[in-house]
Amino acid sequence: VQLQASGGGLVQAGGSLRLSCFVSGGVSGGTLKIGTIGWFRQAPGKERESVVSIPWRGGIGSYEDSVKDRFTISRDNTKNTVYLQMNSLKSEDTAVYYCAADPRRRVGIMPSSYPTYWGQGTLVTVSS
């Protein structure tokens, strides 16, 4: 399974960005064998943290408290892509954002130790 994240960039505080993560590989019987997918981030000098997770089919997103009501995860199963819409961005949202997935279906947010598959990061910089 390969995950390709994109969409990062420089934005002013209060602005918006949308990240995308395209999933390929890991297909069996015509079905992508992903149970849960999510976004994580790592700010400079800090440990990687969970941002949001969602089951690949069905279910709703589970968000880390600091991004609730500002970030929204969505998926398009027909395009094998998951999105992260980030609104009202703050300087503390500055980080490298990673897309990650696991074959197991999980209800609730994935801890950073959980996912089997990781994509490369995309840098989000929020200027104050």
Protein backbone atom coordinates (compact mmCIF):
# COMPACT_ATOMS: atom_id res chain seq x y z
CA VAL A 1 0.00 0.00 0.00
CA GLN A 2 1.31 3.41 -0.95
CA LEU A 3 -0.04 6.73 0.27
CA GLN A 4 0.71 9.99 -1.52
CA ALA A 5 -0.05 13.17 0.41
CA SER A 6 -0.22 16.58 -1.20
CA GLY A 7 -1.65 20.04 -0.70
CA GLY A 8 0.59 21.55 1.92
CA GLY A 9 1.87 25.09 1.69
CA LEU A 10 2.16 28.47 3.32
CA VAL A 11 -1.00 30.16 4.54
CA GLN A 12 -1.79 33.06 6.80
CA ALA A 13 -3.44 32.52 10.16
CA GLY A 14 -7.19 32.27 9.70
CA GLY A 15 -6.82 30.84 6.23
CA SER A 16 -7.62 27.43 4.81
CA LEU A 17 -5.87 24.55 3.09
CA ARG A 18 -7.02 21.18 1.80
CA LEU A 19 -4.73 18.19 1.96
CA SER A 20 -5.22 15.13 -0.20
CA CYS A 21 -3.99 11.57 0.22
CA PHE A 22 -4.18 9.13 -2.67
CA VAL A 23 -4.03 5.45 -1.78
CA SER A 24 -2.75 2.84 -4.19
CA GLY A 25 -1.80 -0.81 -4.03
CA GLY A 26 -3.13 -3.26 -1.48
CA VAL A 27 -6.02 -4.31 -3.70
CA SER A 28 -7.55 -7.74 -3.29
CA GLY A 29 -10.58 -8.87 -5.23
CA GLY A 30 -10.96 -5.35 -6.57
CA THR A 31 -11.24 -3.86 -3.09
CA LEU A 32 -8.67 -1.70 -1.40
CA LYS A 33 -7.67 -3.46 1.79
CA ILE A 34 -7.72 -0.45 4.05
CA GLY A 35 -9.69 -0.48 7.29
CA THR A 36 -8.85 2.92 8.73
CA ILE A 37 -7.12 5.99 7.40
CA GLY A 38 -6.13 9.22 9.04
CA TRP A 39 -3.91 12.25 9.31
CA PHE A 40 -1.08 12.85 11.70
CA ARG A 41 1.27 15.76 12.16
CA GLN A 42 4.66 16.51 13.58
CA ALA A 43 5.65 20.02 14.55
CA PRO A 44 9.31 21.03 14.87
CA GLY A 45 10.80 19.63 18.04
CA LYS A 46 7.66 17.72 18.94
CA GLU A 47 6.47 14.15 18.69
CA ARG A 48 4.13 13.02 15.97
CA GLU A 49 0.50 13.32 17.01
CA SER A 50 -2.83 12.11 15.76
CA VAL A 51 -5.08 14.63 14.08
CA VAL A 52 -8.06 12.66 12.78
CA SER A 53 -9.00 9.14 11.75
CA ILE A 54 -11.90 7.67 9.82
CA PRO A 55 -12.90 4.15 8.78
CA TRP A 56 -12.26 3.64 5.09
CA ARG A 57 -15.87 2.54 4.57
CA GLY A 58 -18.69 3.86 6.69
CA GLY A 59 -18.30 5.58 10.01
CA ILE A 60 -17.38 9.13 10.87
CA GLY A 61 -14.19 10.97 11.67
CA SER A 62 -12.67 11.07 15.14
CA TYR A 63 -10.77 14.28 15.82
CA GLU A 64 -8.10 15.44 18.19
CA ASP A 65 -9.58 18.12 20.43
CA SER A 66 -7.50 21.03 19.15
CA VAL A 67 -8.78 20.62 15.58
CA LYS A 68 -12.44 19.87 16.24
CA ASP A 69 -14.77 22.32 14.48
CA ARG A 70 -11.89 23.54 12.30
CA PHE A 71 -10.73 20.45 10.40
CA THR A 72 -12.89 18.05 8.42
CA ILE A 73 -11.87 14.69 7.03
CA SER A 74 -13.66 13.21 4.04
CA ARG A 75 -13.04 10.37 1.63
CA ASP A 76 -13.88 9.50 -1.93
CA ASN A 77 -13.72 5.74 -2.16
CA THR A 78 -14.19 5.86 -5.94
CA LYS A 79 -10.96 7.86 -6.21
CA ASN A 80 -9.13 6.07 -3.37
CA THR A 81 -8.51 9.48 -1.86
CA VAL A 82 -9.00 11.02 1.56
CA TYR A 83 -9.04 14.75 2.18
CA LEU A 84 -8.38 17.00 5.13
CA GLN A 85 -10.06 20.39 4.92
CA MET A 86 -8.36 22.74 7.36
CA ASN A 87 -10.07 26.01 8.19
CA SER A 88 -9.29 28.79 10.66
CA LEU A 89 -5.66 27.75 10.69
CA LYS A 90 -3.49 28.81 13.58
CA SER A 91 0.27 29.14 13.90
CA GLU A 92 0.26 26.08 16.14
CA ASP A 93 -1.06 24.02 13.24
CA THR A 94 2.32 24.42 11.55
CA ALA A 95 3.70 20.92 11.07
CA VAL A 96 4.51 18.22 8.59
CA TYR A 97 1.26 16.37 7.96
CA TYR A 98 1.27 12.66 7.24
CA CYS A 99 -1.38 10.40 5.84
CA ALA A 100 -1.42 6.91 7.32
CA ALA A 101 -3.59 3.81 7.07
CA ASP A 102 -4.06 0.38 8.53
CA PRO A 103 -5.84 -2.78 7.34
CA ARG A 104 -7.78 -2.98 10.59
CA ARG A 105 -11.01 -1.07 10.95
CA ARG A 106 -10.89 1.08 14.05
CA VAL A 107 -13.58 3.15 15.68
CA GLY A 108 -12.01 6.21 17.22
CA ILE A 109 -8.78 8.01 16.53
CA MET A 110 -5.68 5.98 15.68
CA PRO A 111 -2.72 6.57 17.97
CA SER A 112 0.47 7.34 16.07
CA SER A 113 1.80 3.86 16.85
CA TYR A 114 -1.17 2.15 15.17
CA PRO A 115 -0.97 2.57 11.38
CA THR A 116 0.89 0.06 9.26
CA TYR A 117 1.24 2.24 6.19
CA TRP A 118 2.61 5.78 6.05
CA GLY A 119 2.89 8.29 3.28
CA GLN A 120 5.49 10.97 2.91
CA GLY A 121 4.70 14.19 4.72
CA THR A 122 3.47 17.46 3.35
CA LEU A 123 4.50 20.67 5.08
CA VAL A 124 1.89 23.12 6.31
CA THR A 125 3.19 26.47 7.49
CA VAL A 126 0.81 28.95 9.06
CA SER A 127 2.16 32.46 9.40
CA SER A 128 0.86 34.71 12.15
